[in-house]
Amino acid sequence: MAKVVLTAVLLLSCAHYPSVLCLSEFTRDDFPADFVFGAATSAFQGDIKLMSDTGLEAYRFSISWPRLLPNGRGPVNPKGLEYYNNVINEIIKFGIQPHVTLHHLDVPQVLQDEYGGWLSPKIIDDFKELADVCFKEFGDRVTHWTTINQPNINSFGSYDYGFFPPCRCSNPYGITFMGDSVNCTKGNSTVEPYITAHNYLLAHSAAVELYRNKYQTIQKGQIGINIYTIGFSPLTNSAEDAMAAGRARDFLIGWFLNPIFFGDYPEMIKTNAGSRLPSFTYSESQKLKGSCDFIGMNYYYSLYVADDSSIPKTGLRDANSDMFAKFTAFKDVPPVSQLRPPTQISHDFESLRKMLNYLKDTYRNPPIYIHENGYGLKFIDSMNDVGRISFLSGFIGSVLQSIRDGIDVRGYFVWTFIDGYELLAGYASRFGFYHVNFEDSEHERTPRLSAHWYRNFLRNGTAIKVQINDNFCSKARSSD
């Protein structure tokens, strides 16, 4: 058991996992000195003493908008302000770097009732006010800000599929996820994903402009945005599937990063969505262009993409159908038309390296933080979580190889530090290094094997080992 704690050994098929796994052994010292390793949670904050004991160098968490501004705007809740000041001060006291996300889905109910939340451009000014409060109150200690967590998947999940709050959609295809079906009785999947994405982008731009004009020079921090990413590969060698994979990347990633880096949506999205896609004014476009100091990315899995010629070329479509694509996690499983997490996560570590190279080539090698990477979907709860150790080891190795590729990756955060309430699965999916007893009033935390493994990697200099066929390694190195 001790050897498993100290060293993660991955016995993997060479045929499936290319050259990234030829890194036979690496330690924390193989990464740049200013690279940060951490873990993340959402508004449910973890045990900071445990974070220090584990050796976290950074901790990413989000601000709960209604906790700080119960009315969405106006008077600040003094207890909410005190709470976040205490969290930030305690993190810094233990030598941990705070990375703060301003918004993670929880719109104050009063704003949802008043004007529909992200469906209205009115939210831009209210979000800017939230940002102003946070920069003013916490910016003397927080130097890494993220405006919004994965707005791209939120627009799909909230306004096309109806899984995320406020659960709006009119999708006619009978969307199912994790065995549950969604029957949306309100919403318009043909336009609302595009409207909310547009407002997300303008709110992000407004917060960045505020920070740069009023706070950044004094506080010397950085500000960026977080994007949910998936590794897309063509299902077959056909040109049609290759183009479908490109459309999927444009819709998931280019939808947000193209405006932020280049000032406008990808041409393919403009063509496929037509008049349903809002347009930017010249002033909005100029403010968006260059409005991030880094990209935060959430990454969990890869999917194969096939062209879907069955989707009508005329008439109204939802945003998902505008991709004209089908998806599957495994080549022997028929693809489906809905973009959704697979029921079983594949350990395709090389796909992360490919995604990082794509971001480098497409967006001129921006600084990148891996904000979320974790193992817990349908996880059979166990303290001896060797599977999680193998999963995280492979992806950390992929990050190291990407740095050696010349990609500007600056940090890696595991989702999550402790078991929490997961958006799509409640307490059923457990992603944490630390097991939480939700039946106990004290919510007792117990370290899983992975907590010892991460601590040994960060604090004790223990190596992560990856073992595969040496002949394959030599071939892979010669092709790099």
Protein backbone atom coordinates (compact mmCIF):
# COMPACT_ATOMS: atom_id res chain seq x y z
CA MET A 1 0.00 0.00 0.00
CA ALA A 2 2.82 2.44 0.84
CA LYS A 3 4.26 2.16 -2.64
CA VAL A 4 0.88 3.05 -4.12
CA VAL A 5 0.70 6.10 -1.87
CA LEU A 6 4.15 7.31 -2.82
CA THR A 7 4.17 6.55 -6.53
CA ALA A 8 1.42 6.37 -9.11
CA VAL A 9 2.21 3.65 -11.62
CA LEU A 10 0.15 3.67 -14.77
CA LEU A 11 0.06 0.49 -16.80
CA LEU A 12 -1.52 1.68 -19.99
CA SER A 13 -1.94 0.52 -23.55
CA CYS A 14 0.61 2.08 -25.86
CA ALA A 15 -1.81 1.91 -28.74
CA HIS A 16 -4.16 4.37 -27.04
CA TYR A 17 -1.87 6.81 -25.26
CA PRO A 18 0.92 8.35 -27.35
CA SER A 19 4.11 10.13 -26.51
CA VAL A 20 3.01 12.13 -23.48
CA LEU A 21 3.17 8.92 -21.44
CA CYS A 22 6.77 8.31 -22.38
CA LEU A 23 7.62 10.62 -19.50
CA SER A 24 8.68 7.68 -17.35
CA GLU A 25 9.13 9.73 -14.20
CA PHE A 26 8.74 13.32 -13.07
CA THR A 27 8.56 15.33 -9.86
CA ARG A 28 7.30 18.73 -8.79
CA ASP A 29 10.76 20.13 -9.54
CA ASP A 30 10.36 19.32 -13.25
CA PHE A 31 7.79 22.11 -13.49
CA PRO A 32 8.73 25.80 -13.60
CA ALA A 33 9.31 27.39 -10.19
CA ASP A 34 6.39 29.81 -10.66
CA PHE A 35 3.98 27.09 -11.82
CA VAL A 36 1.27 26.53 -9.18
CA PHE A 37 -0.43 23.31 -8.15
CA GLY A 38 -3.71 23.59 -6.34
CA ALA A 39 -7.27 22.41 -6.03
CA ALA A 40 -10.65 24.04 -6.45
CA THR A 41 -14.17 24.17 -5.10
CA SER A 42 -17.12 26.42 -5.91
CA ALA A 43 -18.81 28.59 -3.26
CA PHE A 44 -18.63 25.73 -0.74
CA GLN A 45 -15.23 26.53 0.76
CA GLY A 46 -12.99 23.72 2.00
CA ASP A 47 -10.87 23.19 5.10
CA ILE A 48 -7.91 25.58 4.77
CA LYS A 49 -5.83 23.83 7.42
CA LEU A 50 -6.20 20.61 5.43
CA MET A 51 -5.13 22.49 2.30
CA SER A 52 -1.92 23.54 4.01
CA ASP A 53 -1.32 20.03 5.32
CA THR A 54 -1.78 18.69 1.78
CA GLY A 55 0.71 21.17 0.39
CA LEU A 56 -1.57 23.16 -1.89
CA GLU A 57 0.24 26.08 -3.47
CA ALA A 58 -2.97 27.70 -4.73
CA TYR A 59 -6.69 27.43 -4.10
CA ARG A 60 -9.42 28.39 -6.55
CA PHE A 61 -12.90 29.26 -5.32
CA SER A 62 -15.84 31.34 -6.47
CA ILE A 63 -17.72 34.23 -4.93
CA SER A 64 -21.39 33.62 -4.25
CA TRP A 65 -23.05 36.67 -5.77
CA PRO A 66 -26.20 36.55 -3.54
CA ARG A 67 -24.07 35.98 -0.42
CA LEU A 68 -22.21 39.24 -1.06
CA LEU A 69 -25.02 41.28 -2.70
CA PRO A 70 -28.34 39.74 -1.64
CA ASN A 71 -30.31 42.15 -3.82
CA GLY A 72 -27.98 41.68 -6.77
CA ARG A 73 -26.84 45.27 -6.40
CA GLY A 74 -26.77 47.99 -3.77
CA PRO A 75 -25.89 47.37 -0.11
CA VAL A 76 -23.18 44.81 0.60
CA ASN A 77 -24.00 42.07 3.10
CA PRO A 78 -21.49 42.74 5.93
CA LYS A 79 -21.48 39.10 7.01
CA GLY A 80 -20.77 37.98 3.45
CA LEU A 81 -17.95 40.51 3.22
CA GLU A 82 -16.52 39.34 6.55
CA TYR A 83 -16.74 35.72 5.46
CA TYR A 84 -14.75 36.20 2.26
CA ASN A 85 -12.19 38.40 3.98
CA ASN A 86 -11.68 35.66 6.56
CA VAL A 87 -11.34 33.00 3.84
CA ILE A 88 -8.80 35.04 1.87
CA ASN A 89 -6.80 36.04 4.95
CA GLU A 90 -6.65 32.46 6.17
CA ILE A 91 -5.54 31.19 2.76
CA ILE A 92 -2.73 33.75 2.63
CA LYS A 93 -1.74 33.05 6.23
CA PHE A 94 -0.93 29.49 5.21
CA GLY A 95 1.06 30.64 2.18
CA ILE A 96 -1.57 29.59 -0.37
CA GLN A 97 -2.26 31.74 -3.44
CA PRO A 98 -5.97 32.64 -3.87
CA HIS A 99 -7.51 32.39 -7.34
CA VAL A 100 -11.00 33.89 -7.29
CA THR A 101 -13.88 33.46 -9.74
CA LEU A 102 -16.50 36.18 -9.64
CA HIS A 103 -19.44 34.16 -10.95
CA HIS A 104 -20.27 30.46 -10.97
CA LEU A 105 -23.93 30.15 -12.09
CA ASP A 106 -25.62 31.51 -8.94
CA VAL A 107 -27.53 34.59 -10.14
CA PRO A 108 -29.37 36.35 -7.29
CA GLN A 109 -33.01 35.29 -7.47
CA VAL A 110 -34.13 38.92 -7.34
CA LEU A 111 -32.36 39.62 -10.66
CA GLN A 112 -33.74 36.46 -12.21
CA ASP A 113 -37.25 37.54 -11.21
CA GLU A 114 -36.76 41.18 -12.20
CA TYR A 115 -35.43 40.80 -15.73
CA GLY A 116 -34.55 37.17 -16.46
CA GLY A 117 -30.95 37.13 -15.32
CA TRP A 118 -28.49 36.51 -18.17
CA LEU A 119 -31.26 36.86 -20.77
CA SER A 120 -31.22 40.64 -20.28
CA PRO A 121 -28.40 43.11 -21.02
CA LYS A 122 -29.34 44.75 -17.71
CA ILE A 123 -27.24 42.14 -15.97
CA ILE A 124 -24.05 43.62 -17.45
CA ASP A 125 -24.12 46.66 -15.15
CA ASP A 126 -25.11 44.56 -12.15
CA PHE A 127 -22.27 42.13 -12.77
CA LYS A 128 -19.89 45.06 -13.13
CA GLU A 129 -21.06 46.28 -9.72
CA LEU A 130 -20.34 42.86 -8.19
CA ALA A 131 -16.88 42.95 -9.76
CA ASP A 132 -16.27 46.46 -8.40
CA VAL A 133 -17.11 45.36 -4.86
CA CYS A 134 -14.79 42.36 -5.12
CA PHE A 135 -11.88 44.30 -6.64
CA LYS A 136 -12.24 47.06 -4.05
CA GLU A 137 -12.62 44.81 -0.99
CA PHE A 138 -10.35 41.88 -1.87
CA GLY A 139 -8.01 43.09 -4.60
CA ASP A 140 -5.27 44.13 -2.20
CA ARG A 141 -4.73 40.39 -1.55
CA VAL A 142 -6.18 38.64 -4.61
CA THR A 143 -4.09 38.95 -7.77
CA HIS A 144 -5.70 36.21 -9.91
CA TRP A 145 -9.28 36.97 -10.99
CA THR A 146 -11.57 34.99 -13.28
CA THR A 147 -14.73 36.77 -14.37
CA ILE A 148 -17.08 33.86 -15.17
CA ASN A 149 -16.81 30.09 -14.84
CA GLN A 150 -17.44 28.15 -18.10
CA PRO A 151 -20.07 30.50 -19.64
CA ASN A 152 -19.92 28.50 -22.87
CA ILE A 153 -21.27 25.31 -21.34
CA ASN A 154 -23.62 27.32 -19.13
CA SER A 155 -25.35 28.75 -22.21
CA PHE A 156 -25.83 25.23 -23.54
CA GLY A 157 -26.74 23.69 -20.20
CA SER A 158 -29.08 26.42 -18.98
CA TYR A 159 -30.81 27.54 -22.16
CA ASP A 160 -30.58 24.67 -24.66
CA TYR A 161 -30.55 21.47 -22.59
CA GLY A 162 -32.25 22.88 -19.50
CA PHE A 163 -30.06 21.05 -16.97
CA PHE A 164 -28.50 24.09 -15.30
CA PRO A 165 -30.43 26.88 -13.55
CA PRO A 166 -32.70 28.50 -14.62
CA CYS A 167 -33.51 25.31 -16.60
CA ARG A 168 -34.92 26.86 -19.76
CA CYS A 169 -35.19 25.15 -23.14
CA SER A 170 -37.55 24.23 -25.94
CA ASN A 171 -35.38 21.45 -27.37
CA PRO A 172 -37.59 18.96 -29.21
CA TYR A 173 -35.18 16.03 -29.12
CA GLY A 174 -35.95 14.68 -25.66
CA ILE A 175 -32.61 15.47 -24.00
CA THR A 176 -31.49 12.96 -21.38
CA PHE A 177 -28.52 13.14 -19.06
CA MET A 178 -27.28 10.61 -16.51
CA GLY A 179 -30.51 8.67 -16.94
CA ASP A 180 -32.79 11.67 -16.35
CA SER A 181 -34.93 13.27 -19.03
CA VAL A 182 -35.63 16.98 -19.22
CA ASN A 183 -39.06 18.30 -20.06
CA CYS A 184 -38.69 22.03 -20.52
CA THR A 185 -41.92 23.98 -20.48
CA LYS A 186 -40.36 27.42 -20.92
CA GLY A 187 -37.55 28.91 -22.92
CA ASN A 188 -36.45 29.10 -26.54
CA SER A 189 -33.45 26.93 -27.44
CA THR A 190 -33.10 28.51 -30.86
CA VAL A 191 -32.11 31.97 -29.57
CA GLU A 192 -31.59 32.03 -25.80
CA PRO A 193 -28.18 30.29 -25.80
CA TYR A 194 -26.89 32.95 -28.18
CA ILE A 195 -28.46 35.83 -26.23
CA THR A 196 -27.02 34.70 -22.90
CA ALA A 197 -23.59 34.02 -24.38
CA HIS A 198 -23.59 37.53 -25.83
CA ASN A 199 -24.43 39.02 -22.43
CA TYR A 200 -21.81 36.86 -20.72
CA LEU A 201 -19.19 38.23 -23.09
CA LEU A 202 -20.21 41.86 -22.64
CA ALA A 203 -20.32 41.45 -18.85
CA HIS A 204 -16.85 39.92 -18.92
CA SER A 205 -15.57 42.78 -21.05
CA ALA A 206 -17.12 45.36 -18.71
CA ALA A 207 -15.49 43.79 -15.64
CA VAL A 208 -12.09 43.60 -17.34
CA GLU A 209 -12.31 47.23 -18.48
CA LEU A 210 -13.17 48.26 -14.92
CA TYR A 211 -10.30 46.29 -13.44
CA ARG A 212 -7.74 47.58 -15.92
CA ASN A 213 -8.83 51.22 -15.66
CA LYS A 214 -9.32 51.41 -11.88
CA TYR A 215 -7.45 48.64 -10.08
CA GLN A 216 -4.86 46.69 -12.05
CA THR A 217 -2.02 49.20 -11.98
CA ILE A 218 -2.25 49.54 -8.20
CA GLN A 219 -3.07 45.94 -7.32
CA LYS A 220 -0.83 44.39 -10.00
CA GLY A 221 -3.14 41.45 -10.61
CA GLN A 222 -4.31 39.46 -13.61
CA ILE A 223 -7.81 38.88 -14.95
CA GLY A 224 -9.14 36.25 -17.33
CA ILE A 225 -12.10 34.04 -18.15
CA ASN A 226 -12.75 30.33 -17.75
CA ILE A 227 -13.85 28.08 -20.63
CA TYR A 228 -15.09 24.50 -20.57
CA THR A 229 -13.08 22.49 -23.09
CA ILE A 230 -13.42 19.03 -24.63
CA GLY A 231 -10.92 17.27 -26.84
CA PHE A 232 -12.62 16.71 -30.20
CA SER A 233 -11.34 14.21 -32.79
CA PRO A 234 -13.00 13.03 -36.02
CA LEU A 235 -14.74 9.66 -35.62
CA THR A 236 -13.48 8.51 -39.02
CA ASN A 237 -10.91 9.67 -41.57
CA SER A 238 -13.60 11.30 -43.70
CA ALA A 239 -13.44 14.97 -44.57
CA GLU A 240 -17.02 15.33 -43.29
CA ASP A 241 -16.11 14.15 -39.81
CA ALA A 242 -13.00 16.35 -39.76
CA MET A 243 -15.15 19.39 -40.57
CA ALA A 244 -17.67 18.36 -37.92
CA ALA A 245 -14.91 18.25 -35.30
CA GLY A 246 -13.88 21.75 -36.39
CA ARG A 247 -17.44 23.00 -36.04
CA ALA A 248 -17.64 21.52 -32.54
CA ARG A 249 -14.44 23.33 -31.52
CA ASP A 250 -15.76 26.60 -32.93
CA PHE A 251 -19.02 26.27 -31.03
CA LEU A 252 -17.53 25.21 -27.72
CA ILE A 253 -14.35 27.31 -27.69
CA GLY A 254 -14.35 29.83 -30.52
CA TRP A 255 -17.82 31.03 -29.53
CA PHE A 256 -16.18 32.81 -26.58
CA LEU A 257 -12.46 33.01 -27.25
CA ASN A 258 -12.72 34.43 -30.78
CA PRO A 259 -14.58 37.54 -29.56
CA ILE A 260 -12.16 37.88 -26.63
CA PHE A 261 -9.06 37.59 -28.80
CA PHE A 262 -10.24 38.86 -32.19
CA GLY A 263 -13.38 40.90 -31.47
CA ASP A 264 -16.03 38.77 -33.22
CA TYR A 265 -17.65 35.36 -33.43
CA PRO A 266 -16.25 32.66 -35.75
CA GLU A 267 -17.57 32.92 -39.29
CA MET A 268 -18.98 29.39 -39.13
CA ILE A 269 -21.18 30.27 -36.14
CA LYS A 270 -22.37 33.44 -37.84
CA THR A 271 -23.28 31.42 -40.91
CA ASN A 272 -25.05 28.58 -39.10
CA ALA A 273 -26.89 30.70 -36.53
CA GLY A 274 -27.71 33.53 -38.92
CA SER A 275 -29.95 36.28 -37.53
CA ARG A 276 -30.36 34.39 -34.25
CA LEU A 277 -26.81 35.40 -33.30
CA PRO A 278 -26.51 38.93 -31.85
CA SER A 279 -23.82 41.15 -33.29
CA PHE A 280 -21.28 43.39 -31.58
CA THR A 281 -21.07 47.11 -32.14
CA TYR A 282 -17.68 48.45 -33.17
CA SER A 283 -17.11 49.75 -29.64
CA GLU A 284 -18.08 46.42 -28.05
CA SER A 285 -15.80 44.55 -30.41
CA GLN A 286 -12.84 46.77 -29.58
CA LYS A 287 -13.40 46.39 -25.83
CA LEU A 288 -13.68 42.62 -26.14
CA LYS A 289 -10.53 42.23 -28.20
CA GLY A 290 -7.67 41.39 -25.87
CA SER A 291 -9.88 41.36 -22.77
CA CYS A 292 -8.03 38.67 -20.85
CA ASP A 293 -4.62 38.21 -19.29
CA PHE A 294 -5.02 34.43 -19.25
CA ILE A 295 -7.37 31.61 -20.21
CA GLY A 296 -8.71 29.36 -17.50
CA MET A 297 -9.80 26.00 -18.84
CA ASN A 298 -11.81 23.11 -17.39
CA TYR A 299 -10.88 19.76 -18.92
CA TYR A 300 -12.16 16.27 -18.15
CA TYR A 301 -12.55 14.14 -21.28
CA SER A 302 -12.40 13.82 -25.06
CA LEU A 303 -15.06 12.90 -27.61
CA TYR A 304 -15.14 11.61 -31.18
CA VAL A 305 -17.19 13.73 -33.57
CA ALA A 306 -19.14 12.64 -36.65
CA ASP A 307 -20.97 14.70 -39.22
CA ASP A 308 -24.75 14.65 -38.73
CA SER A 309 -26.44 15.07 -42.08
CA SER A 310 -29.86 14.26 -40.63
CA ILE A 311 -30.24 17.72 -39.09
CA PRO A 312 -32.42 19.96 -41.30
CA LYS A 313 -30.49 22.63 -43.18
CA THR A 314 -33.50 24.97 -43.18
CA GLY A 315 -35.88 26.07 -40.46
CA LEU A 316 -35.18 26.86 -36.83
CA ARG A 317 -32.61 24.81 -34.95
CA ASP A 318 -31.29 24.89 -31.42
CA ALA A 319 -27.66 25.84 -30.78
CA ASN A 320 -26.61 22.20 -30.39
CA SER A 321 -28.05 21.31 -33.80
CA ASP A 322 -26.25 24.25 -35.39
CA MET A 323 -23.07 22.18 -35.06
CA PHE A 324 -24.44 19.47 -37.40
CA ALA A 325 -22.48 16.95 -35.37
CA LYS A 326 -22.82 13.75 -33.33
CA PHE A 327 -20.62 12.70 -30.41
CA THR A 328 -19.33 9.56 -28.74
CA ALA A 329 -16.59 8.80 -26.24
CA PHE A 330 -15.73 5.44 -27.81
CA LYS A 331 -15.46 4.40 -31.43
CA ASP A 332 -17.53 1.27 -30.86
CA VAL A 333 -20.42 3.23 -29.30
CA PRO A 334 -22.87 4.89 -31.74
CA PRO A 335 -22.67 8.70 -31.63
CA VAL A 336 -25.56 10.81 -30.36
CA SER A 337 -26.65 14.29 -31.39
CA GLN A 338 -26.39 15.84 -27.92
CA LEU A 339 -23.12 17.26 -26.62
CA ARG A 340 -22.94 15.79 -23.13
CA PRO A 341 -20.46 14.10 -20.78
CA PRO A 342 -19.90 10.41 -21.46
CA THR A 343 -21.22 7.84 -19.01
CA GLN A 344 -17.67 6.51 -18.67
CA ILE A 345 -14.61 8.75 -18.75
CA SER A 346 -11.76 7.60 -20.98
CA HIS A 347 -8.16 8.17 -19.86
CA ASP A 348 -7.14 9.99 -23.05
CA PHE A 349 -4.30 12.02 -21.58
CA GLU A 350 -2.82 12.99 -24.92
CA SER A 351 -6.06 14.82 -25.76
CA LEU A 352 -5.25 17.51 -23.18
CA ARG A 353 -1.87 18.11 -24.79
CA LYS A 354 -3.60 18.42 -28.17
CA MET A 355 -6.11 20.89 -26.75
CA LEU A 356 -3.35 23.02 -25.24
CA ASN A 357 -1.51 23.02 -28.55
CA TYR A 358 -4.72 24.06 -30.29
CA LEU A 359 -5.13 27.02 -27.94
CA LYS A 360 -1.47 27.94 -28.43
CA ASP A 361 -1.73 27.88 -32.23
CA THR A 362 -5.15 29.54 -32.50
CA TYR A 363 -4.82 32.26 -29.88
CA ARG A 364 -1.09 33.10 -30.02
CA ASN A 365 0.09 31.11 -27.01
CA PRO A 366 -1.80 32.88 -24.21
CA PRO A 367 -1.07 32.11 -20.54
CA ILE A 368 -3.27 29.18 -19.46
CA TYR A 369 -4.39 27.78 -16.12
CA ILE A 370 -5.98 24.34 -15.92
CA HIS A 371 -8.76 25.41 -13.56
CA GLU A 372 -10.51 22.06 -13.29
CA ASN A 373 -9.44 18.49 -13.93
CA GLY A 374 -10.88 15.71 -11.84
CA TYR A 375 -12.23 12.22 -11.45
CA GLY A 376 -15.57 11.56 -9.81
CA LEU A 377 -18.42 11.14 -12.26
CA LYS A 378 -20.29 8.00 -11.15
CA PHE A 379 -17.30 7.28 -8.92
CA ILE A 380 -17.81 4.28 -6.66
CA ASP A 381 -16.94 5.79 -3.30
CA SER A 382 -13.72 4.35 -1.97
CA MET A 383 -10.92 5.53 0.24
CA ASN A 384 -8.49 3.52 -1.87
CA ASP A 385 -9.03 5.64 -4.99
CA VAL A 386 -6.23 4.29 -7.17
CA GLY A 387 -8.27 5.12 -10.27
CA ARG A 388 -8.25 8.82 -9.38
CA ILE A 389 -4.48 8.71 -8.84
CA SER A 390 -3.96 7.17 -12.26
CA PHE A 391 -6.31 9.68 -13.91
CA LEU A 392 -4.66 12.74 -12.36
CA SER A 393 -1.14 11.41 -12.87
CA GLY A 394 -1.66 11.01 -16.59
CA PHE A 395 -3.08 14.48 -17.04
CA ILE A 396 -0.38 16.12 -14.94
CA GLY A 397 2.13 14.36 -17.18
CA SER A 398 0.31 15.76 -20.21
CA VAL A 399 0.60 19.26 -18.76
CA LEU A 400 4.34 18.82 -18.27
CA GLN A 401 4.81 17.63 -21.84
CA SER A 402 2.79 20.64 -23.03
CA ILE A 403 5.11 22.99 -21.17
CA ARG A 404 8.00 21.27 -22.94
CA ASP A 405 6.13 21.93 -26.19
CA GLY A 406 6.50 25.64 -25.43
CA ILE A 407 2.93 26.19 -24.22
CA ASP A 408 2.52 28.85 -21.54
CA VAL A 409 0.71 26.74 -18.92
CA ARG A 410 1.01 28.35 -15.48
CA GLY A 411 -1.06 26.26 -13.10
CA TYR A 412 -3.06 23.09 -12.51
CA PHE A 413 -6.04 22.76 -10.15
CA VAL A 414 -7.70 19.48 -9.23
CA TRP A 415 -11.48 19.39 -8.95
CA THR A 416 -12.14 19.06 -6.07
CA PHE A 417 -10.30 19.39 -2.79
CA ILE A 418 -13.11 17.92 -0.69
CA ASP A 419 -16.37 16.23 -1.67
CA GLY A 420 -19.02 18.85 -2.36
CA TYR A 421 -22.46 19.30 -3.80
CA GLU A 422 -22.08 18.67 -7.53
CA LEU A 423 -24.36 20.64 -9.84
CA LEU A 424 -25.60 17.66 -11.87
CA ALA A 425 -25.32 14.89 -9.32
CA GLY A 426 -25.72 16.33 -5.82
CA TYR A 427 -23.71 14.29 -3.34
CA ALA A 428 -23.74 11.19 -5.56
CA SER A 429 -20.55 12.08 -7.48
CA ARG A 430 -17.53 12.45 -5.23
CA PHE A 431 -14.55 14.26 -6.75
CA GLY A 432 -12.68 15.11 -3.55
CA PHE A 433 -9.26 14.21 -2.24
CA TYR A 434 -11.03 14.18 1.11
CA HIS A 435 -14.12 12.13 1.83
CA VAL A 436 -16.89 14.10 3.55
CA ASN A 437 -19.39 12.30 5.75
CA PHE A 438 -22.58 14.12 4.80
CA GLU A 439 -24.55 12.07 7.32
CA ASP A 440 -22.50 13.49 10.17
CA SER A 441 -23.40 16.90 11.58
CA GLU A 442 -19.71 17.80 11.74
CA HIS A 443 -19.14 16.73 8.12
CA GLU A 444 -16.06 14.76 9.09
CA ARG A 445 -13.26 14.82 6.47
CA THR A 446 -11.11 11.76 5.87
CA PRO A 447 -8.18 11.73 3.42
CA ARG A 448 -8.44 9.32 0.54
CA LEU A 449 -5.37 7.63 -0.86
CA SER A 450 -5.20 10.38 -3.50
CA ALA A 451 -4.80 13.04 -0.78
CA HIS A 452 -1.67 11.28 0.49
CA TRP A 453 -0.44 10.88 -3.09
CA TYR A 454 -0.91 14.59 -3.93
CA ARG A 455 0.71 15.61 -0.64
CA ASN A 456 3.74 13.43 -1.31
CA PHE A 457 4.08 14.85 -4.82
CA LEU A 458 3.85 18.47 -3.63
CA ARG A 459 5.53 18.42 -0.23
CA ASN A 460 7.91 15.46 -0.27
CA GLY A 461 9.21 15.56 -3.84
CA THR A 462 7.91 12.08 -4.63
CA ALA A 463 8.00 11.11 -8.28
CA ILE A 464 5.03 10.21 -10.42
CA LYS A 465 5.99 7.26 -12.57
CA VAL A 466 4.46 6.28 -15.87
CA GLN A 467 5.39 2.91 -17.33
CA ILE A 468 4.76 1.89 -20.94
CA ASN A 469 6.55 -0.02 -23.67
CA ASP A 470 10.07 1.34 -24.21
CA ASN A 471 10.00 0.60 -27.95
CA PHE A 472 6.91 2.71 -28.35
CA CYS A 473 8.48 5.50 -26.31
CA SER A 474 11.51 5.68 -28.56
CA LYS A 475 9.32 5.82 -31.67
CA ALA A 476 7.18 8.52 -30.16
CA ARG A 477 10.18 10.62 -29.17
CA SER A 478 11.63 10.40 -32.63
CA SER A 479 8.40 11.75 -34.10
CA ASP A 480 8.10 14.72 -31.70
